[in-house]
Structure formats: C-alpha cells, structure tokens
Amino acid sequence: MDDLLLRHIYACARTQDFIDTGVSHFVRKQMPTVGALITKRWLDRSNDGDRLALLHATAVEADYSVDLRDFDEVYLQSIELRNRLAHSGALPTTEPGQLLIDRTPRQRGKGEDFLRLGVDDLRSRLARAEWLQAVAIHFCVELGAVSVSMTTHGGQELPIEVPAPPVSPPPRWYQDHDDG
C-alpha cells in the first residue's frame, strides 16, 4: 500500500512541475525579458487555483490539442488526497488493506475530516493522478518545453513521440467514505 501512496504523491508533484514548466516556457517564449521576471516573481509561487487558470489560458493561447474539460475536477481531487497524505499526522490502518486519512491541520472542520481508503480506492485514484501526469507531460512536449529522446548504442539521438493521453481520465469507481 505504501508504494501506491508514494506513487500518487509523485504523480501529483510531477503534474504540478510539468504544468509550471509548460506555462513558464510559453511565457518566456512569447516575452523573453518580461517572461523571465513573471516566472521568477509569480509563476514559481503559484497556487493550485492559479496553476489551473494558467494551464487553461496557456492551452488556449498555444492552441493545445488535448481537451482539458475533465482536468480540473481530477486535479483538485488528486491534490486534495496528496495534501492529506503528505501532511497527515498519521496514517492509521483501520483493518487490513484500509487507511484512515486525516485532513490537514489547516483544513480540519472544512468538510469531511477523515477519509477511509482501501487498496482498490488507491489504485483508482493513482490511475487518475497518472492520467493528469500524462496530460501535463504531453502539454510540455507539445509546447516545446521538453523533448523526449533516446540515444542509440551508436550515439545517435532519436526523438520519441509522446502520444496524446486519452481524452477522459480513468473512471472514478471509488467512493469517499466519511468516518468523521
């Protein structure tokens, strides 16, 4: 179960990093001097609400090819779980294969305080977080912010095409459980 938790945190962190990289690259490409200042003073410190707004605005400006209509909902759900996992005081096991995850101290009293998750719930949430990561990587590649390549044994650099992710995330077949 620990590997699922860590992989979820990792996928969320990489999603945030790739969004920030893509937006920063686009801004710097459009306005090199001002873009560098905007990136340093503001983009590097953006919160999740700003990050989503910047993703969508950049996607429109850059004519990004992937439909992002489901992105925000999945992103906010994934980040909320990431925050709970990363900032929870403890992750008690209530029964084999089940975790009871507390709300972050700053968020207590703002909705359900406890979330009970089983292995299948975590697998489903991880699949959705990895979908976010695939979208964010594709966003960066399409904008030219990152490139993906491999080096052959002969030293030749070969580009690797990153396919567009599925339009919709994996289905959400888990349920949130309130044990509060």
N, C-alpha and C. Protein backbone atom coordinates (compact mmCIF):
# COMPACT_ATOMS: atom_id res chain seq x y z
N MET A 1 0.82 -1.19 0.00
CA MET A 1 0.00 0.00 0.00
C MET A 1 0.87 1.26 0.00
N ASP A 2 2.03 1.18 0.67
CA ASP A 2 2.92 2.33 0.73
C ASP A 2 3.35 2.79 -0.66
N ASP A 3 3.61 1.83 -1.55
CA ASP A 3 4.05 2.20 -2.89
C ASP A 3 2.95 2.96 -3.64
N LEU A 4 1.69 2.61 -3.41
CA LEU A 4 0.59 3.33 -4.05
C LEU A 4 0.51 4.77 -3.55
N LEU A 5 0.71 4.94 -2.24
CA LEU A 5 0.69 6.28 -1.65
C LEU A 5 1.81 7.14 -2.22
N LEU A 6 3.01 6.59 -2.26
CA LEU A 6 4.16 7.35 -2.77
C LEU A 6 4.02 7.65 -4.26
N ARG A 7 3.53 6.69 -5.02
CA ARG A 7 3.34 6.91 -6.46
C ARG A 7 2.29 7.99 -6.71
N HIS A 8 1.26 8.06 -5.86
CA HIS A 8 0.24 9.10 -6.00
C HIS A 8 0.86 10.48 -5.72
N ILE A 9 1.61 10.59 -4.65
CA ILE A 9 2.27 11.86 -4.32
C ILE A 9 3.20 12.27 -5.46
N TYR A 10 3.96 11.31 -5.98
CA TYR A 10 4.90 11.56 -7.07
C TYR A 10 4.18 12.04 -8.32
N ALA A 11 3.10 11.38 -8.70
CA ALA A 11 2.35 11.77 -9.90
C ALA A 11 1.80 13.19 -9.76
N CYS A 12 1.33 13.54 -8.59
CA CYS A 12 0.81 14.89 -8.37
C CYS A 12 1.92 15.93 -8.45
N ALA A 13 3.06 15.63 -7.84
CA ALA A 13 4.19 16.57 -7.87
C ALA A 13 4.68 16.77 -9.31
N ARG A 14 4.78 15.68 -10.06
CA ARG A 14 5.23 15.79 -11.45
C ARG A 14 4.21 16.55 -12.30
N THR A 15 2.94 16.35 -12.04
CA THR A 15 1.90 17.09 -12.77
C THR A 15 2.08 18.59 -12.53
N GLN A 16 2.25 18.98 -11.28
CA GLN A 16 2.46 20.39 -10.96
C GLN A 16 3.71 20.92 -11.65
N ASP A 17 4.80 20.17 -11.58
CA ASP A 17 6.05 20.60 -12.20
C ASP A 17 5.92 20.76 -13.71
N PHE A 18 5.27 19.82 -14.37
CA PHE A 18 5.13 19.91 -15.82
C PHE A 18 4.20 21.05 -16.23
N ILE A 19 3.14 21.29 -15.48
CA ILE A 19 2.29 22.45 -15.79
C ILE A 19 3.11 23.73 -15.67
N ASP A 20 3.82 23.87 -14.55
CA ASP A 20 4.64 25.07 -14.33
C ASP A 20 5.69 25.23 -15.42
N THR A 21 6.33 24.13 -15.81
CA THR A 21 7.35 24.18 -16.86
C THR A 21 6.75 24.62 -18.19
N GLY A 22 5.61 24.05 -18.56
CA GLY A 22 4.96 24.41 -19.82
C GLY A 22 4.53 25.86 -19.86
N VAL A 23 3.90 26.32 -18.79
CA VAL A 23 3.44 27.72 -18.74
C VAL A 23 4.64 28.66 -18.77
N SER A 24 5.66 28.37 -17.96
CA SER A 24 6.86 29.21 -17.92
C SER A 24 7.53 29.27 -19.29
N HIS A 25 7.66 28.14 -19.93
CA HIS A 25 8.27 28.10 -21.27
C HIS A 25 7.49 28.97 -22.24
N PHE A 26 6.18 28.85 -22.22
CA PHE A 26 5.34 29.61 -23.14
C PHE A 26 5.48 31.11 -22.89
N VAL A 27 5.42 31.51 -21.63
CA VAL A 27 5.53 32.94 -21.29
C VAL A 27 6.89 33.48 -21.69
N ARG A 28 7.95 32.73 -21.41
CA ARG A 28 9.31 33.18 -21.76
C ARG A 28 9.51 33.23 -23.28
N LYS A 29 8.86 32.32 -23.98
CA LYS A 29 8.99 32.31 -25.45
C LYS A 29 8.28 33.52 -26.06
N GLN A 30 7.13 33.86 -25.50
CA GLN A 30 6.36 34.99 -26.02
C GLN A 30 6.98 36.34 -25.65
N MET A 31 7.52 36.42 -24.44
CA MET A 31 8.09 37.68 -23.92
C MET A 31 9.35 37.35 -23.13
N PRO A 32 10.49 37.20 -23.78
CA PRO A 32 11.69 36.71 -23.09
C PRO A 32 12.07 37.48 -21.82
N THR A 33 12.14 38.78 -21.85
CA THR A 33 12.57 39.54 -20.68
C THR A 33 11.49 39.59 -19.62
N VAL A 34 10.30 39.98 -20.03
CA VAL A 34 9.19 40.07 -19.08
C VAL A 34 8.82 38.67 -18.59
N GLY A 35 8.85 37.68 -19.48
CA GLY A 35 8.51 36.32 -19.10
C GLY A 35 9.41 35.76 -18.03
N ALA A 36 10.70 36.07 -18.11
CA ALA A 36 11.64 35.61 -17.08
C ALA A 36 11.30 36.22 -15.72
N LEU A 37 10.95 37.49 -15.72
CA LEU A 37 10.59 38.17 -14.47
C LEU A 37 9.27 37.62 -13.92
N ILE A 38 8.28 37.44 -14.80
CA ILE A 38 6.99 36.89 -14.37
C ILE A 38 7.19 35.49 -13.79
N THR A 39 7.98 34.68 -14.45
CA THR A 39 8.24 33.33 -13.96
C THR A 39 8.88 33.36 -12.58
N LYS A 40 9.90 34.16 -12.42
CA LYS A 40 10.63 34.22 -11.15
C LYS A 40 9.78 34.76 -10.02
N ARG A 41 9.04 35.83 -10.28
CA ARG A 41 8.31 36.51 -9.21
C ARG A 41 6.93 35.94 -8.94
N TRP A 42 6.32 35.30 -9.94
CA TRP A 42 4.95 34.88 -9.74
C TRP A 42 4.70 33.42 -10.08
N LEU A 43 5.10 32.99 -11.27
CA LEU A 43 4.77 31.62 -11.69
C LEU A 43 5.39 30.57 -10.78
N ASP A 44 6.61 30.82 -10.32
CA ASP A 44 7.26 29.84 -9.44
C ASP A 44 6.59 29.72 -8.08
N ARG A 45 5.66 30.61 -7.80
CA ARG A 45 4.98 30.61 -6.50
C ARG A 45 3.47 30.44 -6.63
N SER A 46 3.02 29.98 -7.77
CA SER A 46 1.57 29.90 -7.99
C SER A 46 0.94 28.79 -7.15
N ASN A 47 -0.31 29.03 -6.77
CA ASN A 47 -1.06 28.01 -6.03
C ASN A 47 -1.85 27.17 -7.03
N ASP A 48 -2.57 26.17 -6.54
CA ASP A 48 -3.25 25.25 -7.45
C ASP A 48 -4.35 25.93 -8.27
N GLY A 49 -5.07 26.87 -7.69
CA GLY A 49 -6.10 27.60 -8.44
C GLY A 49 -5.48 28.40 -9.57
N ASP A 50 -4.39 29.12 -9.26
CA ASP A 50 -3.68 29.88 -10.29
C ASP A 50 -3.10 28.94 -11.34
N ARG A 51 -2.55 27.83 -10.88
CA ARG A 51 -1.91 26.87 -11.80
C ARG A 51 -2.93 26.38 -12.84
N LEU A 52 -4.14 26.06 -12.40
CA LEU A 52 -5.17 25.59 -13.33
C LEU A 52 -5.57 26.70 -14.31
N ALA A 53 -5.74 27.92 -13.80
CA ALA A 53 -6.10 29.05 -14.66
C ALA A 53 -5.00 29.29 -15.70
N LEU A 54 -3.75 29.22 -15.27
CA LEU A 54 -2.62 29.42 -16.18
C LEU A 54 -2.54 28.29 -17.21
N LEU A 55 -2.80 27.07 -16.79
CA LEU A 55 -2.81 25.94 -17.72
C LEU A 55 -3.83 26.17 -18.82
N HIS A 56 -5.05 26.52 -18.42
CA HIS A 56 -6.12 26.71 -19.41
C HIS A 56 -5.85 27.90 -20.32
N ALA A 57 -5.38 29.00 -19.76
CA ALA A 57 -5.08 30.18 -20.57
C ALA A 57 -3.96 29.88 -21.57
N THR A 58 -2.92 29.19 -21.11
CA THR A 58 -1.82 28.83 -22.00
C THR A 58 -2.29 27.86 -23.07
N ALA A 59 -3.12 26.91 -22.69
CA ALA A 59 -3.65 25.93 -23.66
C ALA A 59 -4.43 26.64 -24.77
N VAL A 60 -5.20 27.65 -24.41
CA VAL A 60 -5.95 28.41 -25.42
C VAL A 60 -4.99 29.19 -26.31
N GLU A 61 -4.08 29.93 -25.69
CA GLU A 61 -3.13 30.76 -26.45
C GLU A 61 -2.25 29.92 -27.37
N ALA A 62 -1.85 28.74 -26.90
CA ALA A 62 -0.93 27.89 -27.67
C ALA A 62 -1.68 26.93 -28.59
N ASP A 63 -3.02 26.97 -28.54
CA ASP A 63 -3.84 26.06 -29.35
C ASP A 63 -3.49 24.61 -29.04
N TYR A 64 -3.44 24.29 -27.75
CA TYR A 64 -3.11 22.94 -27.30
C TYR A 64 -4.17 21.96 -27.80
N SER A 65 -3.72 20.80 -28.26
CA SER A 65 -4.60 19.86 -28.97
C SER A 65 -5.46 18.97 -28.09
N VAL A 66 -5.19 18.88 -26.81
CA VAL A 66 -5.93 17.96 -25.95
C VAL A 66 -7.04 18.69 -25.20
N ASP A 67 -8.20 18.06 -25.13
CA ASP A 67 -9.35 18.60 -24.42
C ASP A 67 -9.11 18.50 -22.91
N LEU A 68 -9.19 19.61 -22.22
CA LEU A 68 -8.91 19.64 -20.77
C LEU A 68 -10.17 19.73 -19.92
N ARG A 69 -11.33 19.41 -20.48
CA ARG A 69 -12.58 19.62 -19.73
C ARG A 69 -12.66 18.82 -18.43
N ASP A 70 -12.05 17.65 -18.35
CA ASP A 70 -12.11 16.84 -17.12
C ASP A 70 -10.91 17.08 -16.20
N PHE A 71 -9.96 17.87 -16.66
CA PHE A 71 -8.70 18.01 -15.94
C PHE A 71 -8.87 18.61 -14.54
N ASP A 72 -9.61 19.71 -14.42
CA ASP A 72 -9.71 20.42 -13.15
C ASP A 72 -10.28 19.56 -12.03
N GLU A 73 -11.37 18.88 -12.31
CA GLU A 73 -12.01 18.05 -11.27
C GLU A 73 -11.05 16.96 -10.78
N VAL A 74 -10.42 16.27 -11.71
CA VAL A 74 -9.50 15.20 -11.33
C VAL A 74 -8.28 15.77 -10.61
N TYR A 75 -7.79 16.91 -11.09
CA TYR A 75 -6.63 17.56 -10.47
C TYR A 75 -6.93 17.94 -9.02
N LEU A 76 -8.05 18.60 -8.79
CA LEU A 76 -8.38 19.04 -7.43
C LEU A 76 -8.59 17.85 -6.49
N GLN A 77 -9.22 16.79 -6.98
CA GLN A 77 -9.39 15.58 -6.15
C GLN A 77 -8.04 14.95 -5.83
N SER A 78 -7.17 14.88 -6.82
CA SER A 78 -5.86 14.26 -6.62
C SER A 78 -5.00 15.08 -5.69
N ILE A 79 -5.02 16.40 -5.86
CA ILE A 79 -4.21 17.27 -5.00
C ILE A 79 -4.73 17.24 -3.57
N GLU A 80 -6.04 17.16 -3.41
CA GLU A 80 -6.59 17.10 -2.05
C GLU A 80 -6.10 15.84 -1.34
N LEU A 81 -6.10 14.71 -2.05
CA LEU A 81 -5.57 13.48 -1.45
C LEU A 81 -4.07 13.59 -1.21
N ARG A 82 -3.34 14.16 -2.16
CA ARG A 82 -1.89 14.35 -1.98
C ARG A 82 -1.61 15.18 -0.74
N ASN A 83 -2.37 16.24 -0.55
CA ASN A 83 -2.18 17.09 0.63
C ASN A 83 -2.48 16.33 1.91
N ARG A 84 -3.53 15.55 1.90
CA ARG A 84 -3.85 14.74 3.08
C ARG A 84 -2.73 13.74 3.38
N LEU A 85 -2.25 13.07 2.33
CA LEU A 85 -1.18 12.08 2.53
C LEU A 85 0.11 12.74 3.00
N ALA A 86 0.46 13.86 2.39
CA ALA A 86 1.74 14.49 2.69
C ALA A 86 1.74 15.22 4.03
N HIS A 87 0.58 15.67 4.49
CA HIS A 87 0.54 16.49 5.69
C HIS A 87 -0.19 15.86 6.86
N SER A 88 -0.68 14.65 6.69
CA SER A 88 -1.41 13.98 7.77
C SER A 88 -0.45 13.64 8.90
N GLY A 89 -0.91 13.79 10.11
CA GLY A 89 -0.08 13.46 11.27
C GLY A 89 0.17 11.97 11.38
N ALA A 90 -0.76 11.17 10.89
CA ALA A 90 -0.61 9.71 10.94
C ALA A 90 -1.52 9.10 9.88
N LEU A 91 -1.17 7.90 9.48
CA LEU A 91 -1.98 7.15 8.52
C LEU A 91 -2.33 5.80 9.16
N PRO A 92 -3.25 5.83 10.12
CA PRO A 92 -3.57 4.57 10.80
C PRO A 92 -4.28 3.58 9.89
N THR A 93 -3.95 2.32 10.08
CA THR A 93 -4.63 1.24 9.36
C THR A 93 -5.80 0.81 10.23
N THR A 94 -7.01 0.92 9.69
CA THR A 94 -8.19 0.57 10.47
C THR A 94 -8.48 -0.92 10.41
N GLU A 95 -8.12 -1.55 9.33
CA GLU A 95 -8.23 -3.00 9.14
C GLU A 95 -7.29 -3.34 8.00
N PRO A 96 -6.96 -4.58 7.78
CA PRO A 96 -6.02 -4.91 6.72
C PRO A 96 -6.44 -4.31 5.37
N GLY A 97 -5.51 -3.61 4.74
CA GLY A 97 -5.78 -3.02 3.44
C GLY A 97 -6.61 -1.75 3.47
N GLN A 98 -6.79 -1.15 4.63
CA GLN A 98 -7.59 0.07 4.76
C GLN A 98 -6.80 1.13 5.51
N LEU A 99 -6.87 2.37 5.03
CA LEU A 99 -6.24 3.51 5.71
C LEU A 99 -7.31 4.50 6.10
N LEU A 100 -7.08 5.19 7.19
CA LEU A 100 -7.93 6.29 7.61
C LEU A 100 -7.06 7.54 7.54
N ILE A 101 -7.36 8.41 6.60
CA ILE A 101 -6.51 9.57 6.34
C ILE A 101 -7.19 10.81 6.89
N ASP A 102 -6.48 11.50 7.76
CA ASP A 102 -6.96 12.72 8.39
C ASP A 102 -6.84 13.90 7.43
N ARG A 103 -7.63 14.92 7.66
CA ARG A 103 -7.50 16.16 6.91
C ARG A 103 -6.27 16.90 7.42
N THR A 104 -5.68 17.75 6.59
CA THR A 104 -4.52 18.51 7.04
C THR A 104 -4.96 19.43 8.18
N PRO A 105 -4.05 19.73 9.12
CA PRO A 105 -4.43 20.57 10.26
C PRO A 105 -5.11 21.88 9.87
N ARG A 106 -4.65 22.52 8.80
CA ARG A 106 -5.24 23.79 8.37
C ARG A 106 -6.62 23.60 7.77
N GLN A 107 -6.96 22.39 7.34
CA GLN A 107 -8.22 22.13 6.66
C GLN A 107 -9.28 21.48 7.55
N ARG A 108 -8.93 21.14 8.79
CA ARG A 108 -9.90 20.47 9.67
C ARG A 108 -11.14 21.34 9.85
N GLY A 109 -12.28 20.68 9.85
CA GLY A 109 -13.54 21.38 10.02
C GLY A 109 -14.10 21.93 8.71
N LYS A 110 -13.40 21.76 7.60
CA LYS A 110 -13.86 22.23 6.30
C LYS A 110 -14.27 21.03 5.45
N GLY A 111 -15.31 20.37 5.83
CA GLY A 111 -15.74 19.17 5.12
C GLY A 111 -15.40 17.93 5.94
N GLU A 112 -15.39 16.79 5.26
CA GLU A 112 -15.12 15.53 5.94
C GLU A 112 -13.70 15.52 6.48
N ASP A 113 -13.56 15.24 7.78
CA ASP A 113 -12.23 15.25 8.38
C ASP A 113 -11.45 13.97 8.09
N PHE A 114 -12.15 12.85 7.92
CA PHE A 114 -11.46 11.58 7.70
C PHE A 114 -11.91 10.95 6.38
N LEU A 115 -10.96 10.31 5.76
CA LEU A 115 -11.21 9.62 4.50
C LEU A 115 -10.69 8.20 4.67
N ARG A 116 -11.56 7.22 4.47
CA ARG A 116 -11.16 5.81 4.55
C ARG A 116 -10.90 5.32 3.13
N LEU A 117 -9.70 4.79 2.92
CA LEU A 117 -9.34 4.30 1.60
C LEU A 117 -8.84 2.87 1.68
N GLY A 118 -9.26 2.07 0.72
CA GLY A 118 -8.74 0.72 0.58
C GLY A 118 -7.78 0.67 -0.60
N VAL A 119 -7.19 -0.47 -0.81
CA VAL A 119 -6.21 -0.64 -1.88
C VAL A 119 -6.85 -0.35 -3.24
N ASP A 120 -8.05 -0.84 -3.48
CA ASP A 120 -8.70 -0.59 -4.76
C ASP A 120 -8.98 0.90 -4.96
N ASP A 121 -9.38 1.58 -3.87
CA ASP A 121 -9.59 3.03 -3.95
C ASP A 121 -8.29 3.73 -4.35
N LEU A 122 -7.20 3.34 -3.72
CA LEU A 122 -5.91 3.97 -4.01
C LEU A 122 -5.47 3.68 -5.45
N ARG A 123 -5.68 2.48 -5.91
CA ARG A 123 -5.32 2.15 -7.30
C ARG A 123 -6.11 3.02 -8.29
N SER A 124 -7.38 3.21 -8.03
CA SER A 124 -8.21 4.03 -8.90
C SER A 124 -7.74 5.49 -8.87
N ARG A 125 -7.49 5.99 -7.70
CA ARG A 125 -7.01 7.38 -7.57
C ARG A 125 -5.63 7.54 -8.20
N LEU A 126 -4.77 6.54 -8.07
CA LEU A 126 -3.46 6.60 -8.69
C LEU A 126 -3.58 6.63 -10.21
N ALA A 127 -4.46 5.83 -10.77
CA ALA A 127 -4.66 5.82 -12.23
C ALA A 127 -5.09 7.20 -12.72
N ARG A 128 -5.93 7.86 -11.95
CA ARG A 128 -6.39 9.20 -12.33
C ARG A 128 -5.26 10.22 -12.18
N ALA A 129 -4.45 10.09 -11.13
CA ALA A 129 -3.31 11.01 -10.95
C ALA A 129 -2.28 10.80 -12.05
N GLU A 130 -2.08 9.57 -12.46
CA GLU A 130 -1.14 9.30 -13.55
C GLU A 130 -1.68 9.80 -14.89
N TRP A 131 -2.99 9.82 -15.06
CA TRP A 131 -3.58 10.43 -16.25
C TRP A 131 -3.26 11.92 -16.28
N LEU A 132 -3.40 12.58 -15.12
CA LEU A 132 -3.04 14.00 -15.04
C LEU A 132 -1.59 14.22 -15.46
N GLN A 133 -0.72 13.37 -14.95
CA GLN A 133 0.70 13.47 -15.28
C GLN A 133 0.92 13.30 -16.78
N ALA A 134 0.23 12.36 -17.40
CA ALA A 134 0.38 12.14 -18.84
C ALA A 134 -0.08 13.37 -19.62
N VAL A 135 -1.17 13.99 -19.20
CA VAL A 135 -1.65 15.20 -19.86
C VAL A 135 -0.61 16.31 -19.71
N ALA A 136 -0.08 16.50 -18.49
CA ALA A 136 0.88 17.57 -18.25
C ALA A 136 2.18 17.36 -19.03
N ILE A 137 2.63 16.12 -19.13
CA ILE A 137 3.84 15.83 -19.92
C ILE A 137 3.57 16.14 -21.39
N HIS A 138 2.44 15.68 -21.91
CA HIS A 138 2.10 15.94 -23.31
C HIS A 138 1.99 17.44 -23.57
N PHE A 139 1.42 18.19 -22.63
CA PHE A 139 1.32 19.65 -22.71
C PHE A 139 2.71 20.26 -22.91
N CYS A 140 3.66 19.84 -22.08
CA CYS A 140 5.03 20.36 -22.19
C CYS A 140 5.69 19.98 -23.50
N VAL A 141 5.51 18.76 -23.92
CA VAL A 141 6.12 18.31 -25.17
C VAL A 141 5.53 19.07 -26.35
N GLU A 142 4.22 19.20 -26.39
CA GLU A 142 3.58 19.90 -27.50
C GLU A 142 3.99 21.38 -27.56
N LEU A 143 4.20 22.00 -26.39
CA LEU A 143 4.63 23.40 -26.36
C LEU A 143 6.11 23.55 -26.67
N GLY A 144 6.85 22.44 -26.67
CA GLY A 144 8.28 22.50 -26.91
C GLY A 144 9.09 22.81 -25.66
N ALA A 145 8.47 22.70 -24.51
CA ALA A 145 9.16 22.99 -23.25
C ALA A 145 10.10 21.86 -22.86
N VAL A 146 9.78 20.65 -23.24
CA VAL A 146 10.65 19.49 -23.01
C VAL A 146 10.63 18.63 -24.27
N SER A 147 11.67 17.87 -24.42
CA SER A 147 11.69 16.91 -25.52
C SER A 147 12.04 15.55 -24.93
N VAL A 148 11.61 14.55 -25.60
CA VAL A 148 11.86 13.19 -25.14
C VAL A 148 12.64 12.49 -26.25
N SER A 149 13.76 11.91 -25.88
CA SER A 149 14.57 11.22 -26.88
C SER A 149 15.31 10.06 -26.24
N MET A 150 15.91 9.27 -27.08
CA MET A 150 16.74 8.17 -26.60
C MET A 150 18.02 8.18 -27.42
N THR A 151 19.08 7.67 -26.82
CA THR A 151 20.36 7.59 -27.51
C THR A 151 20.62 6.15 -27.89
N THR A 152 20.92 5.93 -29.15
CA THR A 152 21.22 4.57 -29.62
C THR A 152 22.63 4.16 -29.16
N HIS A 153 22.93 2.90 -29.32
CA HIS A 153 24.27 2.43 -28.96
C HIS A 153 25.35 3.14 -29.77
N GLY A 154 24.99 3.60 -30.96
CA GLY A 154 25.95 4.32 -31.81
C GLY A 154 26.05 5.80 -31.47
N GLY A 155 25.30 6.25 -30.44
CA GLY A 155 25.37 7.65 -30.02
C GLY A 155 24.41 8.57 -30.74
N GLN A 156 23.56 8.03 -31.60
CA GLN A 156 22.59 8.86 -32.30
C GLN A 156 21.40 9.17 -31.40
N GLU A 157 21.02 10.43 -31.36
CA GLU A 157 19.88 10.88 -30.57
C GLU A 157 18.61 10.76 -31.41
N LEU A 158 17.65 9.97 -30.94
CA LEU A 158 16.41 9.77 -31.68
C LEU A 158 15.24 10.34 -30.88
N PRO A 159 14.44 11.22 -31.50
CA PRO A 159 13.29 11.76 -30.77
C PRO A 159 12.23 10.67 -30.56
N ILE A 160 11.55 10.77 -29.46
CA ILE A 160 10.45 9.86 -29.16
C ILE A 160 9.17 10.69 -29.17
N GLU A 161 8.20 10.24 -29.92
CA GLU A 161 6.92 10.93 -29.97
C GLU A 161 6.10 10.55 -28.75
N VAL A 162 5.58 11.54 -28.07
CA VAL A 162 4.73 11.30 -26.90
C VAL A 162 3.29 11.34 -27.37
N PRO A 163 2.58 10.22 -27.31
CA PRO A 163 1.20 10.21 -27.79
C PRO A 163 0.29 11.04 -26.89
N ALA A 164 -0.77 11.55 -27.48
CA ALA A 164 -1.75 12.29 -26.70
C ALA A 164 -2.40 11.35 -25.69
N PRO A 165 -2.63 11.82 -24.49
CA PRO A 165 -3.30 10.97 -23.49
C PRO A 165 -4.77 10.79 -23.85
N PRO A 166 -5.42 9.81 -23.27
CA PRO A 166 -6.86 9.66 -23.50
C PRO A 166 -7.59 10.94 -23.12
N VAL A 167 -8.66 11.25 -23.83
CA VAL A 167 -9.41 12.47 -23.56
C VAL A 167 -9.99 12.46 -22.15
N SER A 168 -10.50 11.33 -21.72
CA SER A 168 -11.11 11.23 -20.40
C SER A 168 -10.21 10.46 -19.45
N PRO A 169 -10.25 10.81 -18.18
CA PRO A 169 -9.47 10.08 -17.20
C PRO A 169 -10.06 8.69 -16.97
N PRO A 170 -9.30 7.81 -16.33
CA PRO A 170 -9.89 6.51 -15.96
C PRO A 170 -11.14 6.75 -15.12
N PRO A 171 -12.11 5.86 -15.19
CA PRO A 171 -13.35 6.08 -14.44
C PRO A 171 -13.11 6.14 -12.94
N ARG A 172 -13.92 6.94 -12.30
CA ARG A 172 -13.86 7.04 -10.84
C ARG A 172 -14.84 6.01 -10.30
N TRP A 173 -14.30 4.89 -9.85
CA TRP A 173 -15.18 3.84 -9.34
C TRP A 173 -15.05 3.67 -7.84
N TYR A 174 -14.34 4.56 -7.20
CA TYR A 174 -14.24 4.52 -5.75
C TYR A 174 -15.26 5.48 -5.15
N GLN A 175 -15.51 5.31 -3.89
CA GLN A 175 -16.40 6.21 -3.15
C GLN A 175 -15.63 6.79 -1.98
N ASP A 176 -15.90 8.06 -1.68
CA ASP A 176 -15.34 8.65 -0.46
C ASP A 176 -16.18 8.16 0.71
N HIS A 177 -15.51 7.79 1.77
CA HIS A 177 -16.18 7.28 2.96
C HIS A 177 -15.99 8.27 4.09
N ASP A 178 -17.05 8.66 4.75
CA ASP A 178 -16.97 9.59 5.86
C ASP A 178 -16.97 8.79 7.17
N ASP A 179 -15.87 8.89 7.88
CA ASP A 179 -15.78 8.24 9.19
C ASP A 179 -15.69 9.28 10.32
N GLY A 180 -16.00 10.51 9.97
CA GLY A 180 -15.79 11.62 10.89
C GLY A 180 -16.68 11.58 12.05
